[in-house]
Amino acid sequence: MNETARERIIRAGAAIMHGQGYAATGLKEILDAAGAPKGSFYHYFPSKEAFALAVIEHYEGMLREIGQPALATEGLTCRERLALFVARYRESQAEGGFRRGCPIGNLVLEMAGQSEVLGRRLAVSLEGLTRFFTRLVEAGQASGEIEATLDPVEAAGFLAGAWQGALMRMKAARDDGPLATFEAFAARLLFGG
């Protein structure tokens, strides 16, 4: 399927925004990277904020693509699912020298306090990460790998926060050590060691 001009603008803008942030990303830069004519931005997006909403949706698709195999791959233990999730994210971050961080987390830090609309939408996006970890914990409980007494939603909220913190530390340090630390401590929390 051919990529539409709108999709090209979103993809190009998302890549730029992931690297340098919302405020530092200019419309001309986005259009040049997308190979789109000058007036086309406002044809598809009434504002930069509306564009950012489309970019958030794009980021969610990217992140689902990274995380989905950890839940969907048959025959894995829950511990292996956690390791696969971390490994796939590590691989996606290695391409950028561990400098980019989480695209959603980056926007949260930059824009959640600046734009009510973006802040609300980003909160919804972060809930997607919590749902991912909830499903992981529930799968581990169903297989007997995780104690049934552990509240899956509470544990998932903690894991999502710890994961975002690990990604911020990874970005600052420009190495994947914080991801390994997350994986080790998440395994201790979930599996007892």
N, C-alpha and C. Protein backbone atom coordinates (compact mmCIF):
# COMPACT_ATOMS: atom_id res chain seq x y z
N MET A 1 0.84 -1.17 0.00
CA MET A 1 0.00 0.00 0.00
C MET A 1 0.89 1.24 0.00
N ASN A 2 0.56 2.18 -0.85
CA ASN A 2 1.34 3.41 -0.95
C ASN A 2 1.06 4.33 0.23
N GLU A 3 2.10 4.96 0.70
CA GLU A 3 1.98 5.90 1.80
C GLU A 3 1.38 7.20 1.28
N THR A 4 0.38 7.74 1.97
CA THR A 4 -0.23 9.00 1.56
C THR A 4 0.67 10.16 1.98
N ALA A 5 0.40 11.33 1.42
CA ALA A 5 1.17 12.52 1.79
C ALA A 5 1.02 12.80 3.29
N ARG A 6 -0.18 12.63 3.81
CA ARG A 6 -0.43 12.86 5.24
C ARG A 6 0.42 11.89 6.07
N GLU A 7 0.43 10.62 5.70
CA GLU A 7 1.23 9.63 6.43
C GLU A 7 2.72 9.94 6.35
N ARG A 8 3.17 10.40 5.19
CA ARG A 8 4.58 10.77 5.02
C ARG A 8 4.95 11.93 5.94
N ILE A 9 4.06 12.91 6.03
CA ILE A 9 4.31 14.07 6.90
C ILE A 9 4.36 13.61 8.36
N ILE A 10 3.44 12.75 8.75
CA ILE A 10 3.43 12.25 10.14
C ILE A 10 4.70 11.47 10.43
N ARG A 11 5.06 10.55 9.55
CA ARG A 11 6.26 9.72 9.77
C ARG A 11 7.51 10.58 9.87
N ALA A 12 7.66 11.53 8.94
CA ALA A 12 8.85 12.39 8.95
C ALA A 12 8.87 13.28 10.20
N GLY A 13 7.73 13.87 10.51
CA GLY A 13 7.64 14.73 11.68
C GLY A 13 7.85 13.98 12.98
N ALA A 14 7.34 12.76 13.04
CA ALA A 14 7.51 11.94 14.25
C ALA A 14 8.98 11.63 14.49
N ALA A 15 9.70 11.31 13.43
CA ALA A 15 11.14 11.01 13.57
C ALA A 15 11.90 12.24 14.05
N ILE A 16 11.59 13.39 13.48
CA ILE A 16 12.27 14.63 13.88
C ILE A 16 11.92 14.97 15.33
N MET A 17 10.62 14.92 15.65
CA MET A 17 10.16 15.27 16.98
C MET A 17 10.75 14.32 18.04
N HIS A 18 10.90 13.06 17.71
CA HIS A 18 11.48 12.11 18.65
C HIS A 18 12.92 12.49 18.97
N GLY A 19 13.63 13.00 17.99
CA GLY A 19 15.03 13.37 18.20
C GLY A 19 15.25 14.70 18.87
N GLN A 20 14.37 15.67 18.59
CA GLN A 20 14.66 17.02 19.10
C GLN A 20 13.52 17.68 19.86
N GLY A 21 12.37 17.03 19.97
CA GLY A 21 11.28 17.58 20.75
C GLY A 21 10.28 18.37 19.93
N TYR A 22 9.16 18.66 20.57
CA TYR A 22 8.04 19.37 19.94
C TYR A 22 8.42 20.80 19.59
N ALA A 23 8.90 21.56 20.57
CA ALA A 23 9.16 22.99 20.36
C ALA A 23 10.24 23.24 19.32
N ALA A 24 11.25 22.38 19.27
CA ALA A 24 12.37 22.58 18.35
C ALA A 24 12.08 22.07 16.94
N THR A 25 10.94 21.45 16.74
CA THR A 25 10.59 20.91 15.42
C THR A 25 9.75 21.92 14.66
N GLY A 26 10.29 22.40 13.55
CA GLY A 26 9.60 23.39 12.73
C GLY A 26 8.83 22.77 11.58
N LEU A 27 7.80 23.48 11.14
CA LEU A 27 6.96 22.98 10.05
C LEU A 27 7.74 22.82 8.76
N LYS A 28 8.60 23.78 8.45
CA LYS A 28 9.40 23.69 7.22
C LYS A 28 10.29 22.45 7.25
N GLU A 29 10.89 22.19 8.39
CA GLU A 29 11.75 21.03 8.55
C GLU A 29 10.96 19.73 8.30
N ILE A 30 9.76 19.66 8.84
CA ILE A 30 8.90 18.49 8.66
C ILE A 30 8.56 18.31 7.19
N LEU A 31 8.11 19.39 6.55
CA LEU A 31 7.70 19.31 5.14
C LEU A 31 8.88 18.97 4.24
N ASP A 32 10.04 19.55 4.51
CA ASP A 32 11.24 19.22 3.72
C ASP A 32 11.58 17.73 3.85
N ALA A 33 11.54 17.22 5.07
CA ALA A 33 11.87 15.81 5.30
C ALA A 33 10.85 14.88 4.64
N ALA A 34 9.60 15.33 4.57
CA ALA A 34 8.53 14.51 3.97
C ALA A 34 8.46 14.69 2.46
N GLY A 35 9.19 15.68 1.93
CA GLY A 35 9.10 15.98 0.51
C GLY A 35 7.72 16.47 0.12
N ALA A 36 7.11 17.23 1.01
CA ALA A 36 5.75 17.72 0.80
C ALA A 36 5.76 19.22 0.52
N PRO A 37 4.83 19.70 -0.31
CA PRO A 37 4.77 21.13 -0.60
C PRO A 37 4.39 21.94 0.64
N LYS A 38 4.77 23.21 0.62
CA LYS A 38 4.63 24.10 1.77
C LYS A 38 3.21 24.16 2.34
N GLY A 39 2.22 24.32 1.53
CA GLY A 39 0.86 24.49 2.02
C GLY A 39 0.18 23.21 2.48
N SER A 40 0.83 22.09 2.29
CA SER A 40 0.16 20.82 2.58
C SER A 40 -0.03 20.55 4.08
N PHE A 41 0.81 21.13 4.93
CA PHE A 41 0.69 20.87 6.36
C PHE A 41 -0.70 21.26 6.85
N TYR A 42 -1.11 22.48 6.58
CA TYR A 42 -2.39 22.96 7.08
C TYR A 42 -3.58 22.37 6.33
N HIS A 43 -3.32 21.73 5.21
CA HIS A 43 -4.37 20.99 4.52
C HIS A 43 -4.76 19.77 5.36
N TYR A 44 -3.78 19.14 6.00
CA TYR A 44 -4.02 17.93 6.78
C TYR A 44 -4.20 18.18 8.28
N PHE A 45 -3.59 19.25 8.78
CA PHE A 45 -3.60 19.50 10.22
C PHE A 45 -3.93 20.97 10.47
N PRO A 46 -4.97 21.26 11.26
CA PRO A 46 -5.33 22.66 11.51
C PRO A 46 -4.31 23.41 12.38
N SER A 47 -3.46 22.68 13.09
CA SER A 47 -2.47 23.31 13.98
C SER A 47 -1.34 22.33 14.25
N LYS A 48 -0.28 22.86 14.82
CA LYS A 48 0.84 21.99 15.21
C LYS A 48 0.40 21.04 16.33
N GLU A 49 -0.50 21.51 17.19
CA GLU A 49 -1.02 20.66 18.26
C GLU A 49 -1.82 19.48 17.68
N ALA A 50 -2.62 19.74 16.65
CA ALA A 50 -3.37 18.66 15.98
C ALA A 50 -2.39 17.68 15.33
N PHE A 51 -1.32 18.21 14.77
CA PHE A 51 -0.28 17.35 14.20
C PHE A 51 0.34 16.47 15.29
N ALA A 52 0.61 17.06 16.44
CA ALA A 52 1.21 16.29 17.55
C ALA A 52 0.28 15.16 17.99
N LEU A 53 -1.02 15.38 17.94
CA LEU A 53 -1.97 14.30 18.27
C LEU A 53 -1.82 13.13 17.29
N ALA A 54 -1.65 13.45 16.02
CA ALA A 54 -1.44 12.40 15.01
C ALA A 54 -0.10 11.70 15.23
N VAL A 55 0.90 12.46 15.63
CA VAL A 55 2.23 11.89 15.91
C VAL A 55 2.15 10.93 17.11
N ILE A 56 1.40 11.30 18.13
CA ILE A 56 1.23 10.42 19.30
C ILE A 56 0.63 9.09 18.86
N GLU A 57 -0.38 9.15 18.01
CA GLU A 57 -0.99 7.92 17.49
C GLU A 57 0.05 7.09 16.72
N HIS A 58 0.88 7.76 15.95
CA HIS A 58 1.95 7.08 15.21
C HIS A 58 2.92 6.41 16.18
N TYR A 59 3.32 7.13 17.22
CA TYR A 59 4.23 6.56 18.22
C TYR A 59 3.61 5.34 18.88
N GLU A 60 2.31 5.42 19.20
CA GLU A 60 1.65 4.27 19.82
C GLU A 60 1.73 3.04 18.93
N GLY A 61 1.55 3.23 17.64
CA GLY A 61 1.67 2.12 16.69
C GLY A 61 3.07 1.52 16.70
N MET A 62 4.08 2.39 16.72
CA MET A 62 5.47 1.92 16.79
C MET A 62 5.72 1.11 18.06
N LEU A 63 5.23 1.62 19.18
CA LEU A 63 5.46 0.97 20.46
C LEU A 63 4.70 -0.35 20.56
N ARG A 64 3.49 -0.40 20.00
CA ARG A 64 2.75 -1.67 19.96
C ARG A 64 3.51 -2.71 19.16
N GLU A 65 4.10 -2.28 18.06
CA GLU A 65 4.88 -3.18 17.21
C GLU A 65 6.07 -3.77 17.97
N ILE A 66 6.67 -2.97 18.82
CA ILE A 66 7.80 -3.44 19.63
C ILE A 66 7.31 -4.41 20.72
N GLY A 67 6.22 -4.05 21.40
CA GLY A 67 5.77 -4.83 22.55
C GLY A 67 4.91 -6.03 22.25
N GLN A 68 4.17 -6.00 21.15
CA GLN A 68 3.20 -7.06 20.87
C GLN A 68 3.79 -8.47 20.84
N PRO A 69 4.95 -8.70 20.24
CA PRO A 69 5.49 -10.07 20.24
C PRO A 69 5.70 -10.64 21.64
N ALA A 70 5.95 -9.78 22.62
CA ALA A 70 6.15 -10.26 23.99
C ALA A 70 4.87 -10.89 24.54
N LEU A 71 3.73 -10.44 24.08
CA LEU A 71 2.47 -11.02 24.53
C LEU A 71 1.97 -12.11 23.58
N ALA A 72 2.27 -11.98 22.29
CA ALA A 72 1.66 -12.84 21.28
C ALA A 72 2.46 -14.10 20.95
N THR A 73 3.75 -14.11 21.21
CA THR A 73 4.58 -15.26 20.84
C THR A 73 4.20 -16.47 21.70
N GLU A 74 3.87 -17.56 21.03
CA GLU A 74 3.45 -18.80 21.72
C GLU A 74 4.65 -19.47 22.40
N GLY A 75 4.36 -20.15 23.50
CA GLY A 75 5.35 -21.01 24.13
C GLY A 75 6.36 -20.33 25.03
N LEU A 76 6.21 -19.04 25.28
CA LEU A 76 7.17 -18.34 26.15
C LEU A 76 6.67 -18.33 27.58
N THR A 77 7.59 -18.42 28.52
CA THR A 77 7.23 -18.19 29.92
C THR A 77 7.04 -16.69 30.10
N CYS A 78 6.46 -16.31 31.20
CA CYS A 78 6.26 -14.89 31.48
C CYS A 78 7.61 -14.17 31.61
N ARG A 79 8.56 -14.82 32.24
CA ARG A 79 9.91 -14.24 32.38
C ARG A 79 10.52 -14.01 31.00
N GLU A 80 10.33 -14.96 30.08
CA GLU A 80 10.83 -14.81 28.71
C GLU A 80 10.10 -13.69 27.98
N ARG A 81 8.83 -13.51 28.28
CA ARG A 81 8.06 -12.42 27.66
C ARG A 81 8.62 -11.06 28.10
N LEU A 82 8.90 -10.94 29.39
CA LEU A 82 9.50 -9.71 29.91
C LEU A 82 10.85 -9.46 29.24
N ALA A 83 11.67 -10.50 29.15
CA ALA A 83 13.00 -10.37 28.53
C ALA A 83 12.88 -9.99 27.06
N LEU A 84 11.91 -10.56 26.35
CA LEU A 84 11.71 -10.23 24.94
C LEU A 84 11.29 -8.77 24.77
N PHE A 85 10.39 -8.30 25.63
CA PHE A 85 9.97 -6.90 25.58
C PHE A 85 11.17 -5.97 25.75
N VAL A 86 11.97 -6.22 26.78
CA VAL A 86 13.14 -5.37 27.04
C VAL A 86 14.13 -5.46 25.88
N ALA A 87 14.36 -6.66 25.37
CA ALA A 87 15.32 -6.85 24.27
C ALA A 87 14.88 -6.12 23.01
N ARG A 88 13.59 -6.20 22.69
CA ARG A 88 13.10 -5.52 21.48
C ARG A 88 13.19 -4.00 21.63
N TYR A 89 12.89 -3.50 22.81
CA TYR A 89 13.01 -2.05 23.03
C TYR A 89 14.47 -1.63 22.99
N ARG A 90 15.34 -2.43 23.61
CA ARG A 90 16.77 -2.14 23.59
C ARG A 90 17.26 -2.05 22.14
N GLU A 91 16.85 -3.00 21.33
CA GLU A 91 17.25 -3.02 19.92
C GLU A 91 16.77 -1.75 19.20
N SER A 92 15.54 -1.33 19.46
CA SER A 92 15.01 -0.13 18.80
C SER A 92 15.76 1.13 19.25
N GLN A 93 16.23 1.15 20.48
CA GLN A 93 16.95 2.31 21.00
C GLN A 93 18.42 2.31 20.60
N ALA A 94 18.99 1.13 20.39
CA ALA A 94 20.40 1.03 20.00
C ALA A 94 20.66 1.73 18.68
N GLU A 95 19.67 1.70 17.79
CA GLU A 95 19.80 2.36 16.48
C GLU A 95 20.13 3.85 16.62
N GLY A 96 19.62 4.47 17.67
CA GLY A 96 19.87 5.89 17.90
C GLY A 96 20.90 6.15 18.98
N GLY A 97 21.71 5.16 19.30
CA GLY A 97 22.74 5.34 20.32
C GLY A 97 22.18 5.56 21.71
N PHE A 98 20.96 5.06 21.96
CA PHE A 98 20.28 5.19 23.25
C PHE A 98 20.05 6.65 23.64
N ARG A 99 20.00 7.55 22.65
CA ARG A 99 19.84 8.98 22.92
C ARG A 99 18.40 9.47 22.81
N ARG A 100 17.53 8.70 22.18
CA ARG A 100 16.19 9.22 21.88
C ARG A 100 15.20 9.06 23.02
N GLY A 101 15.28 7.98 23.77
CA GLY A 101 14.32 7.74 24.83
C GLY A 101 12.96 7.34 24.28
N CYS A 102 11.98 7.35 25.15
CA CYS A 102 10.62 6.98 24.75
C CYS A 102 9.95 8.18 24.09
N PRO A 103 9.41 8.03 22.89
CA PRO A 103 8.79 9.17 22.23
C PRO A 103 7.61 9.73 23.02
N ILE A 104 6.83 8.87 23.65
CA ILE A 104 5.70 9.34 24.46
C ILE A 104 6.22 10.02 25.72
N GLY A 105 7.16 9.39 26.40
CA GLY A 105 7.74 9.98 27.61
C GLY A 105 8.37 11.34 27.35
N ASN A 106 9.06 11.46 26.22
CA ASN A 106 9.67 12.75 25.86
C ASN A 106 8.60 13.83 25.73
N LEU A 107 7.52 13.51 25.03
CA LEU A 107 6.44 14.49 24.86
C LEU A 107 5.75 14.81 26.19
N VAL A 108 5.60 13.81 27.05
CA VAL A 108 5.01 14.06 28.37
C VAL A 108 5.84 15.10 29.11
N LEU A 109 7.15 14.88 29.15
CA LEU A 109 8.03 15.80 29.88
C LEU A 109 7.99 17.21 29.30
N GLU A 110 7.91 17.30 27.98
CA GLU A 110 7.95 18.61 27.33
C GLU A 110 6.58 19.30 27.30
N MET A 111 5.51 18.55 27.04
CA MET A 111 4.25 19.20 26.68
C MET A 111 3.08 18.99 27.63
N ALA A 112 3.11 18.01 28.51
CA ALA A 112 1.95 17.73 29.35
C ALA A 112 1.55 18.93 30.20
N GLY A 113 2.51 19.71 30.65
CA GLY A 113 2.21 20.90 31.43
C GLY A 113 1.93 22.13 30.59
N GLN A 114 2.15 22.05 29.29
CA GLN A 114 1.99 23.21 28.40
C GLN A 114 0.65 23.20 27.66
N SER A 115 0.15 22.03 27.35
CA SER A 115 -1.05 21.89 26.54
C SER A 115 -2.01 20.92 27.21
N GLU A 116 -3.18 21.41 27.57
CA GLU A 116 -4.19 20.56 28.20
C GLU A 116 -4.59 19.42 27.27
N VAL A 117 -4.76 19.72 26.00
CA VAL A 117 -5.17 18.72 25.01
C VAL A 117 -4.11 17.62 24.89
N LEU A 118 -2.86 18.02 24.72
CA LEU A 118 -1.79 17.03 24.59
C LEU A 118 -1.57 16.28 25.90
N GLY A 119 -1.67 16.97 27.02
CA GLY A 119 -1.51 16.32 28.32
C GLY A 119 -2.52 15.21 28.53
N ARG A 120 -3.79 15.49 28.21
CA ARG A 120 -4.83 14.46 28.36
C ARG A 120 -4.56 13.28 27.43
N ARG A 121 -4.19 13.58 26.19
CA ARG A 121 -3.96 12.50 25.21
C ARG A 121 -2.74 11.66 25.60
N LEU A 122 -1.72 12.31 26.11
CA LEU A 122 -0.52 11.59 26.54
C LEU A 122 -0.81 10.69 27.75
N ALA A 123 -1.69 11.15 28.64
CA ALA A 123 -2.09 10.32 29.79
C ALA A 123 -2.77 9.04 29.31
N VAL A 124 -3.62 9.17 28.29
CA VAL A 124 -4.27 7.99 27.70
C VAL A 124 -3.22 7.06 27.11
N SER A 125 -2.24 7.63 26.45
CA SER A 125 -1.19 6.83 25.84
C SER A 125 -0.39 6.06 26.89
N LEU A 126 -0.06 6.71 27.99
CA LEU A 126 0.67 6.04 29.06
C LEU A 126 -0.14 4.89 29.66
N GLU A 127 -1.46 5.04 29.66
CA GLU A 127 -2.31 3.95 30.15
C GLU A 127 -2.15 2.70 29.29
N GLY A 128 -1.82 2.89 28.01
CA GLY A 128 -1.56 1.74 27.14
C GLY A 128 -0.39 0.91 27.64
N LEU A 129 0.64 1.57 28.14
CA LEU A 129 1.80 0.86 28.70
C LEU A 129 1.38 0.10 29.96
N THR A 130 0.56 0.73 30.79
CA THR A 130 0.07 0.06 31.99
C THR A 130 -0.77 -1.16 31.63
N ARG A 131 -1.60 -1.04 30.60
CA ARG A 131 -2.40 -2.20 30.15
C ARG A 131 -1.49 -3.33 29.67
N PHE A 132 -0.42 -2.98 28.97
CA PHE A 132 0.54 -4.00 28.51
C PHE A 132 1.09 -4.78 29.71
N PHE A 133 1.57 -4.06 30.72
CA PHE A 133 2.14 -4.73 31.88
C PHE A 133 1.06 -5.49 32.67
N THR A 134 -0.17 -4.98 32.69
CA THR A 134 -1.26 -5.70 33.35
C THR A 134 -1.47 -7.05 32.68
N ARG A 135 -1.50 -7.06 31.35
CA ARG A 135 -1.68 -8.31 30.62
C ARG A 135 -0.51 -9.27 30.88
N LEU A 136 0.69 -8.73 30.96
CA LEU A 136 1.87 -9.55 31.24
C LEU A 136 1.74 -10.21 32.62
N VAL A 137 1.37 -9.42 33.62
CA VAL A 137 1.22 -9.95 34.98
C VAL A 137 0.09 -10.98 35.03
N GLU A 138 -1.03 -10.68 34.41
CA GLU A 138 -2.15 -11.62 34.41
C GLU A 138 -1.78 -12.94 33.73
N ALA A 139 -1.01 -12.86 32.65
CA ALA A 139 -0.56 -14.09 31.97
C ALA A 139 0.35 -14.90 32.89
N GLY A 140 1.22 -14.21 33.62
CA GLY A 140 2.10 -14.89 34.56
C GLY A 140 1.34 -15.52 35.71
N GLN A 141 0.27 -14.85 36.15
CA GLN A 141 -0.56 -15.43 37.21
C GLN A 141 -1.32 -16.65 36.70
N ALA A 142 -1.81 -16.57 35.47
CA ALA A 142 -2.56 -17.69 34.89
C ALA A 142 -1.67 -18.93 34.73
N SER A 143 -0.39 -18.71 34.45
CA SER A 143 0.54 -19.84 34.27
C SER A 143 1.17 -20.29 35.59
N GLY A 144 0.89 -19.57 36.67
CA GLY A 144 1.44 -19.93 37.97
C GLY A 144 2.83 -19.38 38.23
N GLU A 145 3.36 -18.56 37.34
CA GLU A 145 4.71 -18.01 37.52
C GLU A 145 4.73 -16.82 38.48
N ILE A 146 3.60 -16.14 38.59
CA ILE A 146 3.50 -14.95 39.44
C ILE A 146 2.43 -15.22 40.50
N GLU A 147 2.73 -14.84 41.73
CA GLU A 147 1.80 -15.04 42.85
C GLU A 147 0.43 -14.44 42.53
N ALA A 148 -0.60 -15.20 42.82
CA ALA A 148 -1.98 -14.75 42.57
C ALA A 148 -2.36 -13.59 43.47
N THR A 149 -1.65 -13.41 44.59
CA THR A 149 -1.98 -12.33 45.53
C THR A 149 -1.49 -10.96 45.06
N LEU A 150 -0.62 -10.93 44.06
CA LEU A 150 -0.12 -9.66 43.53
C LEU A 150 -1.22 -9.00 42.71
N ASP A 151 -1.58 -7.77 43.05
CA ASP A 151 -2.61 -7.05 42.28
C ASP A 151 -2.03 -6.68 40.92
N PRO A 152 -2.58 -7.21 39.82
CA PRO A 152 -1.98 -6.98 38.50
C PRO A 152 -1.98 -5.52 38.06
N VAL A 153 -3.04 -4.79 38.39
CA VAL A 153 -3.12 -3.39 37.97
C VAL A 153 -2.14 -2.54 38.76
N GLU A 154 -2.06 -2.80 40.05
CA GLU A 154 -1.12 -2.07 40.90
C GLU A 154 0.33 -2.36 40.48
N ALA A 155 0.64 -3.63 40.28
CA ALA A 155 1.99 -4.01 39.84
C ALA A 155 2.31 -3.39 38.48
N ALA A 156 1.33 -3.40 37.58
CA ALA A 156 1.54 -2.83 36.24
C ALA A 156 1.79 -1.33 36.31
N GLY A 157 1.07 -0.63 37.18
CA GLY A 157 1.30 0.81 37.33
C GLY A 157 2.72 1.09 37.81
N PHE A 158 3.17 0.28 38.77
CA PHE A 158 4.54 0.42 39.25
C PHE A 158 5.55 0.13 38.14
N LEU A 159 5.33 -0.97 37.41
CA LEU A 159 6.25 -1.34 36.33
C LEU A 159 6.29 -0.28 35.23
N ALA A 160 5.13 0.27 34.88
CA ALA A 160 5.09 1.30 33.84
C ALA A 160 5.89 2.53 34.27
N GLY A 161 5.74 2.94 35.53
CA GLY A 161 6.51 4.08 36.03
C GLY A 161 8.00 3.79 36.08
N ALA A 162 8.35 2.59 36.53
CA ALA A 162 9.76 2.20 36.58
C ALA A 162 10.35 2.12 35.17
N TRP A 163 9.56 1.63 34.21
CA TRP A 163 10.02 1.53 32.82
C TRP A 163 10.29 2.92 32.25
N GLN A 164 9.37 3.86 32.46
CA GLN A 164 9.58 5.22 31.96
C GLN A 164 10.82 5.84 32.61
N GLY A 165 11.01 5.60 33.90
CA GLY A 165 12.21 6.10 34.57
C GLY A 165 13.48 5.49 33.99
N ALA A 166 13.44 4.19 33.71
CA ALA A 166 14.60 3.52 33.11
C ALA A 166 14.91 4.11 31.74
N LEU A 167 13.87 4.43 30.97
CA LEU A 167 14.09 5.02 29.65
C LEU A 167 14.69 6.42 29.74
N MET A 168 14.25 7.20 30.73
CA MET A 168 14.84 8.53 30.92
C MET A 168 16.31 8.42 31.32
N ARG A 169 16.61 7.50 32.22
CA ARG A 169 18.00 7.29 32.65
C ARG A 169 18.85 6.78 31.49
N MET A 170 18.28 5.89 30.65
CA MET A 170 18.99 5.38 29.48
C MET A 170 19.35 6.54 28.55
N LYS A 171 18.38 7.42 28.33
CA LYS A 171 18.59 8.57 27.44
C LYS A 171 19.69 9.48 27.99
N ALA A 172 19.66 9.75 29.28
CA ALA A 172 20.66 10.62 29.89
C ALA A 172 22.05 9.99 29.86
N ALA A 173 22.13 8.69 30.15
CA ALA A 173 23.42 8.00 30.20
C ALA A 173 23.91 7.57 28.83
N ARG A 174 22.98 7.50 27.88
CA ARG A 174 23.29 7.04 26.52
C ARG A 174 23.84 5.62 26.51
N ASP A 175 23.28 4.81 27.39
CA ASP A 175 23.58 3.37 27.34
C ASP A 175 22.39 2.60 27.90
N ASP A 176 22.42 1.29 27.70
CA ASP A 176 21.26 0.47 28.04
C ASP A 176 21.30 -0.13 29.44
N GLY A 177 22.24 0.28 30.26
CA GLY A 177 22.32 -0.23 31.63
C GLY A 177 21.02 -0.10 32.41
N PRO A 178 20.33 1.05 32.35
CA PRO A 178 19.06 1.17 33.07
C PRO A 178 17.99 0.17 32.63
N LEU A 179 18.04 -0.28 31.37
CA LEU A 179 17.08 -1.28 30.90
C LEU A 179 17.37 -2.63 31.55
N ALA A 180 18.66 -2.96 31.67
CA ALA A 180 19.04 -4.21 32.34
C ALA A 180 18.64 -4.17 33.81
N THR A 181 18.81 -3.02 34.45
CA THR A 181 18.42 -2.87 35.85
C THR A 181 16.91 -3.04 36.00
N PHE A 182 16.15 -2.41 35.09
CA PHE A 182 14.70 -2.57 35.12
C PHE A 182 14.32 -4.04 35.02
N GLU A 183 14.90 -4.72 34.05
CA GLU A 183 14.56 -6.13 33.82
C GLU A 183 14.86 -6.98 35.06
N ALA A 184 16.02 -6.76 35.66
CA ALA A 184 16.41 -7.54 36.84
C ALA A 184 15.46 -7.30 38.01
N PHE A 185 15.13 -6.03 38.28
CA PHE A 185 14.27 -5.73 39.42
C PHE A 185 12.82 -6.08 39.14
N ALA A 186 12.37 -5.94 37.90
CA ALA A 186 11.01 -6.37 37.55
C ALA A 186 10.88 -7.87 37.74
N ALA A 187 11.91 -8.63 37.36
CA ALA A 187 11.89 -10.08 37.54
C ALA A 187 11.82 -10.44 39.02
N ARG A 188 12.56 -9.71 39.86
CA ARG A 188 12.50 -9.97 41.30
C ARG A 188 11.11 -9.70 41.85
N LEU A 189 10.51 -8.59 41.42
CA LEU A 189 9.17 -8.24 41.88
C LEU A 189 8.16 -9.31 41.45
N LEU A 190 8.23 -9.69 40.19
CA LEU A 190 7.21 -10.58 39.63
C LEU A 190 7.43 -12.05 39.96
N PHE A 191 8.69 -12.49 39.91
CA PHE A 191 8.97 -13.92 40.00
C PHE A 191 9.71 -14.32 41.28
N GLY A 192 10.05 -13.32 42.09
CA GLY A 192 10.72 -13.62 43.34
C GLY A 192 12.21 -13.88 43.23
N GLY A 193 12.82 -13.42 42.15
CA GLY A 193 14.27 -13.61 42.06
C GLY A 193 14.78 -13.74 40.69
